[in-house]
Structures are given as C-alpha cells and as structure tokens.
C-alpha cells in the first residue's frame, strides 16, 4: 500500500510572498510548526516541533532536497512513528495576481504509514488553511 497526497490552494499573494511563508522559520512557526530550524539550502537538515500527540513526540525530521526560488521547494519529512521517509514538494505557479500552490506529499508505504498518510492529508487541509489565513492577514 502506498499513499500519496496532493492539494492545491490559490493565494492572492505573489509567489515571492508565498515562498517566504514556506521557507522563513519565523513564518513557518506561525502556520505550521511552532519551533523549527528550517533553512532553504539544499542538503540542509532540519527539525520541526509541533505539540506532541499520543505516542508522537511532535518532531519532524527533514533534509532540503530542491530549492528553485520561488518555484519549487522539496524536502524529506519523517516523524519517529513513521517507517518511511516521505517527500514533501511545493510547486508555486503565478496565476493572474496570485499564486497557485501545489503540495505533494508522497511515499507513505506499508499499512502503518498508509494510515499516517490519511492523518497527514487531514492535517495538511488544516495547515494550508492556516497558511491561507496567515497570508491574508499579512496582506492587510
């Protein structure tokens, strides 16, 4: 079993503004993970910390794979409870006066990770809405 997630959201913000929200640790802490040491440089390893839930310590470990500002960003994504190291890819496309953001989270393999992929899919809906609200607030 393999689970892959794909979501698309439209933002009224320019690709550069969306890119900043995806790559700036201070902005990431507002809409995604409260603590992180993300640095958008290929090969850079990072840790993101969320509120622990159940047996999950709230940590996500990753390594930046692709940085093509402001078009494509990808990195690995793995929590302690996951068997698979998954790949998170963000693709930003300018559309009129805004940005179409495609998010692909792939590589949830095996039954346990497939189920975690289902939970991640629901979580990404929440986080992408938080990103949308954050960018709307920033535009005011």
C-alpha atoms as a PDB file:
ATOM      1  CA  UNK A   1       0.000   0.000   0.000  1.00  0.00           C
ATOM      2  CA  UNK A   2       1.252   3.445  -0.928  1.00  0.00           C
ATOM      3  CA  UNK A   3      -0.440   6.724  -0.018  1.00  0.00           C
ATOM      4  CA  UNK A   4       0.365   9.978  -1.798  1.00  0.00           C
ATOM      5  CA  UNK A   5      -1.276  13.318  -1.025  1.00  0.00           C
ATOM      6  CA  UNK A   6      -1.850  16.207  -3.423  1.00  0.00           C
ATOM      7  CA  UNK A   7      -3.503  19.510  -2.503  1.00  0.00           C
ATOM      8  CA  UNK A   8      -3.861  22.766  -4.411  1.00  0.00           C
ATOM      9  CA  UNK A   9      -4.680  26.147  -2.944  1.00  0.00           C
ATOM     10  CA  UNK A  10      -4.922  29.557  -4.579  1.00  0.00           C
ATOM     11  CA  UNK A  11      -3.444  32.539  -2.750  1.00  0.00           C
ATOM     12  CA  UNK A  12      -3.984  36.216  -3.576  1.00  0.00           C
ATOM     13  CA  UNK A  13      -0.314  36.708  -2.671  1.00  0.00           C
ATOM     14  CA  UNK A  14       2.571  36.842  -5.145  1.00  0.00           C
ATOM     15  CA  UNK A  15       4.778  33.720  -5.416  1.00  0.00           C
ATOM     16  CA  UNK A  16       7.596  35.515  -3.571  1.00  0.00           C
ATOM     17  CA  UNK A  17       5.316  36.104  -0.560  1.00  0.00           C
ATOM     18  CA  UNK A  18       4.109  32.502  -0.524  1.00  0.00           C
ATOM     19  CA  UNK A  19       7.722  31.338  -0.892  1.00  0.00           C
ATOM     20  CA  UNK A  20       8.709  33.409   2.136  1.00  0.00           C
ATOM     21  CA  UNK A  21       5.926  31.814   4.199  1.00  0.00           C
ATOM     22  CA  UNK A  22       7.156  28.353   3.159  1.00  0.00           C
ATOM     23  CA  UNK A  23      10.847  28.994   3.855  1.00  0.00           C
ATOM     24  CA  UNK A  24      11.200  31.580   6.631  1.00  0.00           C
ATOM     25  CA  UNK A  25      11.443  29.828  10.040  1.00  0.00           C
ATOM     26  CA  UNK A  26       9.567  32.670  11.775  1.00  0.00           C
ATOM     27  CA  UNK A  27       6.684  32.417   9.310  1.00  0.00           C
ATOM     28  CA  UNK A  28       6.686  28.591   9.375  1.00  0.00           C
ATOM     29  CA  UNK A  29       6.285  28.812  13.157  1.00  0.00           C
ATOM     30  CA  UNK A  30       3.044  30.770  12.698  1.00  0.00           C
ATOM     31  CA  UNK A  31       1.170  28.475  10.307  1.00  0.00           C
ATOM     32  CA  UNK A  32       2.866  25.053  10.551  1.00  0.00           C
ATOM     33  CA  UNK A  33       5.289  24.084  13.320  1.00  0.00           C
ATOM     34  CA  UNK A  34       5.875  26.242  16.380  1.00  0.00           C
ATOM     35  CA  UNK A  35       9.614  25.576  16.550  1.00  0.00           C
ATOM     36  CA  UNK A  36      11.897  24.834  13.611  1.00  0.00           C
ATOM     37  CA  UNK A  37      15.389  25.421  12.314  1.00  0.00           C
ATOM     38  CA  UNK A  38      14.433  25.320   8.631  1.00  0.00           C
ATOM     39  CA  UNK A  39      16.919  26.843   6.201  1.00  0.00           C
ATOM     40  CA  UNK A  40      16.122  26.642   2.472  1.00  0.00           C
ATOM     41  CA  UNK A  41      19.511  25.340   1.333  1.00  0.00           C
ATOM     42  CA  UNK A  42      19.908  22.051  -0.500  1.00  0.00           C
ATOM     43  CA  UNK A  43      21.355  19.405   1.813  1.00  0.00           C
ATOM     44  CA  UNK A  44      20.403  21.300   4.997  1.00  0.00           C
ATOM     45  CA  UNK A  45      18.906  19.067   7.690  1.00  0.00           C
ATOM     46  CA  UNK A  46      16.230  20.460   9.987  1.00  0.00           C
ATOM     47  CA  UNK A  47      13.855  19.587  12.808  1.00  0.00           C
ATOM     48  CA  UNK A  48      10.335  20.928  13.209  1.00  0.00           C
ATOM     49  CA  UNK A  49       8.494  20.652  16.525  1.00  0.00           C
ATOM     50  CA  UNK A  50       4.736  20.503  16.931  1.00  0.00           C
ATOM     51  CA  UNK A  51       2.677  19.821  20.007  1.00  0.00           C
ATOM     52  CA  UNK A  52       3.181  16.135  20.956  1.00  0.00           C
ATOM     53  CA  UNK A  53       0.103  13.948  20.433  1.00  0.00           C
ATOM     54  CA  UNK A  54      -0.338  10.463  21.843  1.00  0.00           C
ATOM     55  CA  UNK A  55       2.857   8.483  21.326  1.00  0.00           C
ATOM     56  CA  UNK A  56       4.215  11.039  18.805  1.00  0.00           C
ATOM     57  CA  UNK A  57       6.832  13.387  20.277  1.00  0.00           C
ATOM     58  CA  UNK A  58       5.797  16.121  17.826  1.00  0.00           C
ATOM     59  CA  UNK A  59       9.106  16.140  15.945  1.00  0.00           C
ATOM     60  CA  UNK A  60       9.533  16.009  12.184  1.00  0.00           C
ATOM     61  CA  UNK A  61      12.999  15.483  10.749  1.00  0.00           C
ATOM     62  CA  UNK A  62      13.901  16.500   7.219  1.00  0.00           C
ATOM     63  CA  UNK A  63      16.527  17.405   4.697  1.00  0.00           C
ATOM     64  CA  UNK A  64      16.121  20.009   1.953  1.00  0.00           C
ATOM     65  CA  UNK A  65      16.301  18.390  -1.491  1.00  0.00           C
ATOM     66  CA  UNK A  66      15.371  21.096  -4.030  1.00  0.00           C
ATOM     67  CA  UNK A  67      15.391  24.886  -3.853  1.00  0.00           C
ATOM     68  CA  UNK A  68      14.303  26.689  -7.030  1.00  0.00           C
ATOM     69  CA  UNK A  69      13.127  30.057  -5.694  1.00  0.00           C
ATOM     70  CA  UNK A  70      10.242  30.933  -5.993  1.00  0.00           C
ATOM     71  CA  UNK A  71       9.013  27.941  -7.979  1.00  0.00           C
ATOM     72  CA  UNK A  72       9.850  24.600  -6.344  1.00  0.00           C
ATOM     73  CA  UNK A  73      10.831  23.523  -2.848  1.00  0.00           C
ATOM     74  CA  UNK A  74      11.143  19.918  -1.722  1.00  0.00           C
ATOM     75  CA  UNK A  75      12.398  18.148   1.354  1.00  0.00           C
ATOM     76  CA  UNK A  76      12.182  14.869   3.204  1.00  0.00           C
ATOM     77  CA  UNK A  77       9.676  14.515   6.043  1.00  0.00           C
ATOM     78  CA  UNK A  78       9.855  11.837   8.715  1.00  0.00           C
ATOM     79  CA  UNK A  79       8.437  11.512  12.187  1.00  0.00           C
ATOM     80  CA  UNK A  80       9.582   8.945  14.756  1.00  0.00           C
ATOM     81  CA  UNK A  81       6.368   6.979  14.297  1.00  0.00           C
ATOM     82  CA  UNK A  82       6.872   6.676  10.517  1.00  0.00           C
ATOM     83  CA  UNK A  83       8.638   3.755   8.834  1.00  0.00           C
ATOM     84  CA  UNK A  84       9.008   5.614   5.538  1.00  0.00           C
ATOM     85  CA  UNK A  85      10.904   8.787   4.798  1.00  0.00           C
ATOM     86  CA  UNK A  86       8.400  10.763   2.764  1.00  0.00           C
ATOM     87  CA  UNK A  87       8.935  13.638   0.329  1.00  0.00           C
ATOM     88  CA  UNK A  88       7.141  16.965   0.569  1.00  0.00           C
ATOM     89  CA  UNK A  89       7.170  19.061  -2.607  1.00  0.00           C
ATOM     90  CA  UNK A  90       5.782  22.582  -3.007  1.00  0.00           C
ATOM     91  CA  UNK A  91       5.254  23.985  -6.507  1.00  0.00           C
ATOM     92  CA  UNK A  92       4.322  27.660  -6.871  1.00  0.00           C
ATOM     93  CA  UNK A  93       2.739  28.888 -10.100  1.00  0.00           C
ATOM     94  CA  UNK A  94       1.905  32.543 -10.750  1.00  0.00           C
ATOM     95  CA  UNK A  95      -1.738  32.924 -11.772  1.00  0.00           C
ATOM     96  CA  UNK A  96      -3.082  36.391 -12.551  1.00  0.00           C
ATOM     97  CA  UNK A  97      -2.236  38.443  -9.450  1.00  0.00           C
ATOM     98  CA  UNK A  98      -1.783  35.454  -7.146  1.00  0.00           C
ATOM     99  CA  UNK A  99      -0.219  32.045  -6.726  1.00  0.00           C
ATOM    100  CA  UNK A 100      -1.458  28.519  -7.242  1.00  0.00           C
ATOM    101  CA  UNK A 101       0.336  26.359  -4.695  1.00  0.00           C
ATOM    102  CA  UNK A 102       0.500  22.617  -5.319  1.00  0.00           C
ATOM    103  CA  UNK A 103       1.603  20.466  -2.411  1.00  0.00           C
ATOM    104  CA  UNK A 104       2.573  16.853  -2.960  1.00  0.00           C
ATOM    105  CA  UNK A 105       3.422  14.618  -0.014  1.00  0.00           C
ATOM    106  CA  UNK A 106       4.482  11.215  -1.270  1.00  0.00           C
ATOM    107  CA  UNK A 107       5.961   7.946  -0.125  1.00  0.00           C
ATOM    108  CA  UNK A 108       3.729   6.677   2.686  1.00  0.00           C
ATOM    109  CA  UNK A 109       4.429   2.935   2.269  1.00  0.00           C
ATOM    110  CA  UNK A 110       3.034  -0.022   4.210  1.00  0.00           C
ATOM    111  CA  UNK A 111      -0.124  -0.238   6.279  1.00  0.00           C
ATOM    112  CA  UNK A 112       1.079   1.867   9.239  1.00  0.00           C
ATOM    113  CA  UNK A 113       2.398   4.681   7.062  1.00  0.00           C
ATOM    114  CA  UNK A 114      -0.641   4.488   4.782  1.00  0.00           C
ATOM    115  CA  UNK A 115      -2.806   5.229   7.831  1.00  0.00           C
ATOM    116  CA  UNK A 116      -0.429   8.011   8.881  1.00  0.00           C
ATOM    117  CA  UNK A 117      -0.804   9.369   5.332  1.00  0.00           C
ATOM    118  CA  UNK A 118      -4.575   9.590   5.837  1.00  0.00           C
ATOM    119  CA  UNK A 119      -3.999  11.605   9.028  1.00  0.00           C
ATOM    120  CA  UNK A 120      -1.395  13.761   7.267  1.00  0.00           C
ATOM    121  CA  UNK A 121      -3.911  14.507   4.496  1.00  0.00           C
ATOM    122  CA  UNK A 122      -6.388  15.833   7.051  1.00  0.00           C
ATOM    123  CA  UNK A 123      -3.613  17.760   8.773  1.00  0.00           C
ATOM    124  CA  UNK A 124      -2.488  19.379   5.530  1.00  0.00           C
ATOM    125  CA  UNK A 125      -6.035  20.667   4.965  1.00  0.00           C
ATOM    126  CA  UNK A 126      -5.803  22.407   8.344  1.00  0.00           C
ATOM    127  CA  UNK A 127      -2.264  23.730   7.843  1.00  0.00           C
ATOM    128  CA  UNK A 128      -2.911  25.022   4.321  1.00  0.00           C
ATOM    129  CA  UNK A 129      -5.976  26.892   5.587  1.00  0.00           C
ATOM    130  CA  UNK A 130      -3.793  28.367   8.342  1.00  0.00           C
ATOM    131  CA  UNK A 131      -1.287  29.421   5.666  1.00  0.00           C
ATOM    132  CA  UNK A 132      -4.100  30.989   3.638  1.00  0.00           C
ATOM    133  CA  UNK A 133      -5.338  32.927   6.675  1.00  0.00           C
ATOM    134  CA  UNK A 134      -1.802  33.969   7.614  1.00  0.00           C
ATOM    135  CA  UNK A 135      -1.125  35.358   4.137  1.00  0.00           C
ATOM    136  CA  UNK A 136      -4.499  37.157   4.096  1.00  0.00           C
ATOM    137  CA  UNK A 137      -3.628  38.792   7.424  1.00  0.00           C
ATOM    138  CA  UNK A 138      -0.209  39.800   6.094  1.00  0.00           C
ATOM    139  CA  UNK A 139      -1.842  41.487   3.064  1.00  0.00           C
ATOM    140  CA  UNK A 140      -3.951  43.800   5.261  1.00  0.00           C
END
